[in-house]
Protein backbone atom coordinates (compact mmCIF):
# COMPACT_ATOMS: atom_id res chain seq x y z
CA MET A 1 -0.28 0.22 0.05
CA SER A 2 1.64 3.35 -1.02
CA LYS A 3 1.76 6.02 1.60
CA LEU A 4 -1.20 8.01 -0.05
CA GLN A 5 -3.62 5.18 -0.03
CA ALA A 6 -2.12 4.91 2.97
CA GLY A 7 -2.79 8.63 3.99
CA LEU A 8 -6.53 8.12 2.49
CA LEU A 9 -7.74 5.42 4.24
CA ALA A 10 -6.71 6.92 7.94
CA LEU A 11 -8.36 10.59 6.36
CA ILE A 12 -11.85 8.61 5.42
CA ALA A 13 -11.71 6.65 9.32
CA LEU A 14 -11.10 10.20 10.54
CA ILE A 15 -14.14 11.44 8.97
CA ILE A 16 -16.74 8.35 9.83
CA GLY A 17 -15.06 8.46 13.37
CA ILE A 18 -16.24 12.30 13.86
CA ALA A 19 -19.26 11.83 12.20
CA ALA A 20 -20.01 9.03 14.41
CA ALA A 21 -19.50 11.00 17.37
CA ILE A 22 -21.65 13.79 15.54
CA PHE A 23 -25.02 12.05 14.22
CA ILE A 24 -24.88 8.49 16.31
CA ALA A 25 -22.86 9.56 20.33
CA PRO A 26 -25.52 11.89 21.84
CA PRO A 27 -23.91 15.05 23.27
CA ALA A 28 -22.01 14.89 26.41
CA SER A 29 -24.13 17.80 27.90
CA ASP A 30 -27.02 16.16 27.45
CA LYS A 31 -25.69 13.79 30.75
CA ASP A 32 -23.64 15.69 32.21
CA THR A 33 -24.32 17.87 35.50
CA GLN A 34 -23.27 21.36 35.78
CA TYR A 35 -23.40 21.85 39.79
CA VAL A 36 -23.91 18.25 42.11
CA SER A 37 -21.21 17.54 44.20
CA LEU A 38 -21.86 13.16 43.20
CA TYR A 39 -20.15 10.93 45.11
CA PRO A 40 -17.87 8.05 43.83
CA ALA A 41 -20.06 5.72 45.08
CA ALA A 42 -23.47 5.69 46.31
CA ARG A 43 -23.40 5.82 50.05
CA VAL A 44 -25.30 3.56 51.83
CA LEU A 45 -27.15 4.99 54.55
CA PRO A 46 -27.39 3.31 58.29
CA ASP A 47 -30.65 1.80 60.26
CA PHE A 48 -32.35 5.21 61.63
CA GLU A 49 -36.27 5.79 62.81
CA LEU A 50 -37.65 8.86 63.35
CA GLN A 51 -41.20 10.55 63.10
CA ASP A 52 -42.89 12.78 60.26
CA HIS A 53 -44.55 15.08 60.93
CA GLN A 54 -47.76 12.89 61.25
CA LYS A 55 -46.25 11.41 63.30
CA GLN A 56 -45.62 7.92 61.03
CA PRO A 57 -42.43 6.31 61.44
CA PHE A 58 -39.56 7.67 58.81
CA THR A 59 -37.30 4.83 58.03
CA SER A 60 -34.94 4.21 54.61
CA LYS A 61 -38.22 2.28 53.75
CA SER A 62 -39.52 5.73 53.50
CA LEU A 63 -36.69 6.95 50.31
CA GLU A 64 -37.09 3.79 48.83
CA GLY A 65 -38.81 4.24 45.54
CA HIS A 66 -38.48 7.81 45.41
CA TRP A 67 -35.29 10.09 44.55
CA SER A 68 -35.07 12.74 47.83
CA LEU A 69 -33.97 16.45 47.69
CA VAL A 70 -32.79 16.12 51.94
CA PHE A 71 -32.57 19.36 54.01
CA VAL A 72 -30.54 19.31 57.18
CA GLY A 73 -32.09 22.37 59.69
CA TYR A 74 -34.82 23.54 62.83
CA THR A 75 -38.04 25.08 61.96
CA PHE A 76 -36.51 28.31 64.30
CA CYS A 77 -33.36 28.77 61.91
CA PRO A 78 -33.70 32.97 61.31
CA ASP A 79 -32.37 32.53 57.57
CA ILE A 80 -31.15 29.24 55.83
CA CYS A 81 -33.62 26.89 56.49
CA PRO A 82 -36.80 28.30 55.81
CA THR A 83 -35.14 30.33 52.06
CA THR A 84 -33.98 27.05 51.08
CA LEU A 85 -37.45 25.13 51.11
CA ALA A 86 -38.42 28.53 49.94
CA GLU A 87 -36.05 27.71 46.54
CA LEU A 88 -37.31 24.30 46.26
CA LYS A 89 -40.81 25.18 46.92
CA GLY A 90 -39.98 27.31 43.69
CA ILE A 91 -38.68 24.70 41.74
CA TYR A 92 -40.76 21.81 42.79
CA PRO A 93 -43.06 22.18 40.01
CA ALA A 94 -41.03 21.44 37.76
CA LEU A 95 -39.42 18.93 39.49
CA GLN A 96 -42.20 16.59 39.47
CA GLU A 97 -42.80 17.08 36.22
CA ILE A 98 -38.81 15.53 35.22
CA PRO A 99 -39.61 12.73 33.36
CA THR A 100 -38.22 9.67 35.77
CA ASP A 101 -40.61 6.35 37.51
CA PHE A 102 -39.59 7.41 40.92
CA PRO A 103 -40.75 10.41 41.77
CA ILE A 104 -39.11 13.71 43.32
CA GLN A 105 -39.61 14.51 47.54
CA VAL A 106 -38.71 16.89 49.70
CA ILE A 107 -37.25 16.29 53.02
CA LEU A 108 -36.59 18.23 56.28
CA VAL A 109 -34.54 16.28 58.45
CA SER A 110 -34.52 18.40 61.82
CA VAL A 111 -32.01 18.51 64.07
CA ASP A 112 -33.87 19.73 67.00
CA PRO A 113 -35.74 17.67 68.17
CA LYS A 114 -36.25 19.08 71.22
CA ARG A 115 -38.53 21.84 70.07
CA ASP A 116 -39.02 20.43 66.52
CA THR A 117 -42.48 18.70 67.61
CA PRO A 118 -44.35 16.80 64.97
CA GLU A 119 -47.40 19.37 65.38
CA ARG A 120 -44.68 21.90 64.72
CA LEU A 121 -42.82 20.34 61.66
CA ASN A 122 -46.44 19.96 60.56
CA GLU A 123 -47.19 23.85 60.40
CA TYR A 124 -43.96 24.72 59.29
CA ILE A 125 -43.69 22.20 56.63
CA LYS A 126 -46.82 22.77 54.99
CA PHE A 127 -46.55 26.15 54.68
CA PHE A 128 -43.67 25.61 52.06
CA HIS A 129 -45.98 22.59 50.30
CA PRO A 130 -48.01 20.29 51.34
CA ASP A 131 -46.20 17.32 49.51
CA PHE A 132 -42.71 18.41 51.60
CA ILE A 133 -41.61 16.20 54.42
CA ALA A 134 -40.70 16.80 57.68
CA ALA A 135 -39.46 14.43 60.27
CA SER A 136 -37.15 14.50 63.20
CA GLY A 137 -36.01 12.43 65.88
CA GLU A 138 -33.92 11.58 68.68
CA HIS A 139 -29.92 12.59 68.87
CA ALA A 140 -28.95 8.89 69.10
CA GLN A 141 -30.30 8.50 65.38
CA LEU A 142 -30.22 11.88 63.74
CA PHE A 143 -26.42 12.19 64.09
CA PRO A 144 -24.76 8.81 62.30
CA LEU A 145 -27.67 9.67 59.78
CA VAL A 146 -26.38 13.44 58.72
CA ARG A 147 -23.19 12.55 59.51
CA ALA A 148 -23.33 9.30 56.70
CA MET A 149 -25.05 11.90 54.18
CA GLY A 150 -21.94 14.08 54.11
CA MET A 151 -23.33 16.85 56.95
CA MET A 152 -22.78 17.82 60.24
CA TYR A 153 -24.86 19.65 62.74
CA SER A 154 -23.41 21.00 66.79
CA MET A 155 -25.76 22.78 69.41
CA SER A 156 -23.59 26.39 69.53
CA GLU A 157 -25.10 26.92 72.92
CA SER A 158 -27.04 25.40 75.23
CA SER A 159 -30.16 24.39 74.58
CA ASP A 160 -31.65 25.58 77.65
CA ASN A 161 -31.68 29.31 76.44
CA PRO A 162 -34.97 29.49 74.50
CA ASN A 163 -33.06 31.20 71.55
CA TYR A 164 -30.68 28.47 71.73
CA LEU A 165 -29.52 28.16 67.50
CA VAL A 166 -27.79 25.54 65.41
CA ASP A 167 -24.80 24.98 63.32
CA HIS A 168 -25.47 23.03 60.51
CA SER A 169 -24.83 22.43 57.18
CA SER A 170 -26.79 23.72 54.35
CA SER A 171 -26.82 22.04 51.14
CA VAL A 172 -28.89 19.95 49.60
CA VAL A 173 -28.42 15.70 49.48
CA VAL A 174 -29.25 13.52 46.86
CA ILE A 175 -30.94 10.34 48.05
CA ASN A 176 -31.51 7.89 45.43
CA PRO A 177 -34.21 5.72 45.14
CA LYS A 178 -32.25 2.36 46.11
CA ALA A 179 -31.98 4.98 50.15
CA GLN A 180 -28.51 5.51 49.18
CA VAL A 181 -26.86 8.91 48.94
CA ILE A 182 -25.11 9.69 45.73
CA GLY A 183 -24.16 13.47 45.82
CA ARG A 184 -25.42 17.46 47.16
CA PHE A 185 -25.62 20.93 46.28
CA LYS A 186 -23.47 22.73 47.82
CA PRO A 187 -23.75 26.15 48.75
CA ASP A 188 -21.10 29.26 47.10
CA PHE A 189 -20.02 30.79 49.79
CA VAL A 190 -19.47 34.61 49.12
CA VAL A 191 -19.34 37.06 51.60
CA GLY A 192 -22.19 38.99 52.22
CA LYS A 193 -24.86 36.41 50.67
CA LEU A 194 -26.96 34.02 52.14
CA PRO A 195 -24.72 29.98 51.71
CA ILE A 196 -28.17 28.32 49.92
CA SER A 197 -28.10 25.67 47.71
CA GLU A 198 -29.71 27.76 44.67
CA GLY A 199 -32.89 26.19 43.51
CA GLN A 200 -32.30 26.52 39.46
CA LYS A 201 -29.31 24.90 40.09
CA ILE A 202 -30.78 21.45 41.67
CA LEU A 203 -33.50 22.50 38.89
CA ALA A 204 -30.81 22.23 36.51
CA ASP A 205 -29.07 19.24 37.46
CA MET A 206 -31.89 16.70 38.15
CA PRO A 207 -32.89 15.67 35.08
CA ALA A 208 -29.31 13.73 34.64
CA ILE A 209 -29.26 12.55 37.17
CA VAL A 210 -32.79 10.69 37.39
CA ALA A 211 -31.73 10.04 34.51
CA GLN A 212 -29.40 7.32 35.84
């Protein structure tokens, strides 16, 4: 085979490869996520038993069969919690329109069981959306669960003070229909700006996430 023939064959192979990439392979942007921080492997959650805002048991079974967006907080939170839930409320109708066999649910895990009774959780979460779920339980149940989700919380002062605050992560965790943590949406920390997970960023990535 002459050098000219070899060159022509190489050129033809290159053209075929480019055509296949354009017309056969789907665009990478359709499958890629832009904002979520995905874990290298899904994380299995420990066994836990909480109680939801309707006084029903809330366990890992409550996460199965759904895609879950989980936020850790408390009802007396003055800023990050209500703002994040308002963001999730704003995108919730669009989330429900994403094609998936497993509906997307929004869950608040309260890490302030002393004040966040089921009655208070019920009143609080319904203010944002009647479909949202709120749950809490003893710290012995909450600590390992929150840690397994890649989050944290701590009491910043004595709970003897009726107006005590709770320090907590502000990310929104993504849990798959097998009740496994696959990643989280982290807030941008900008001076002078409230560190929250933006609803539009979550909405942008969820179609690709549920398509996995």
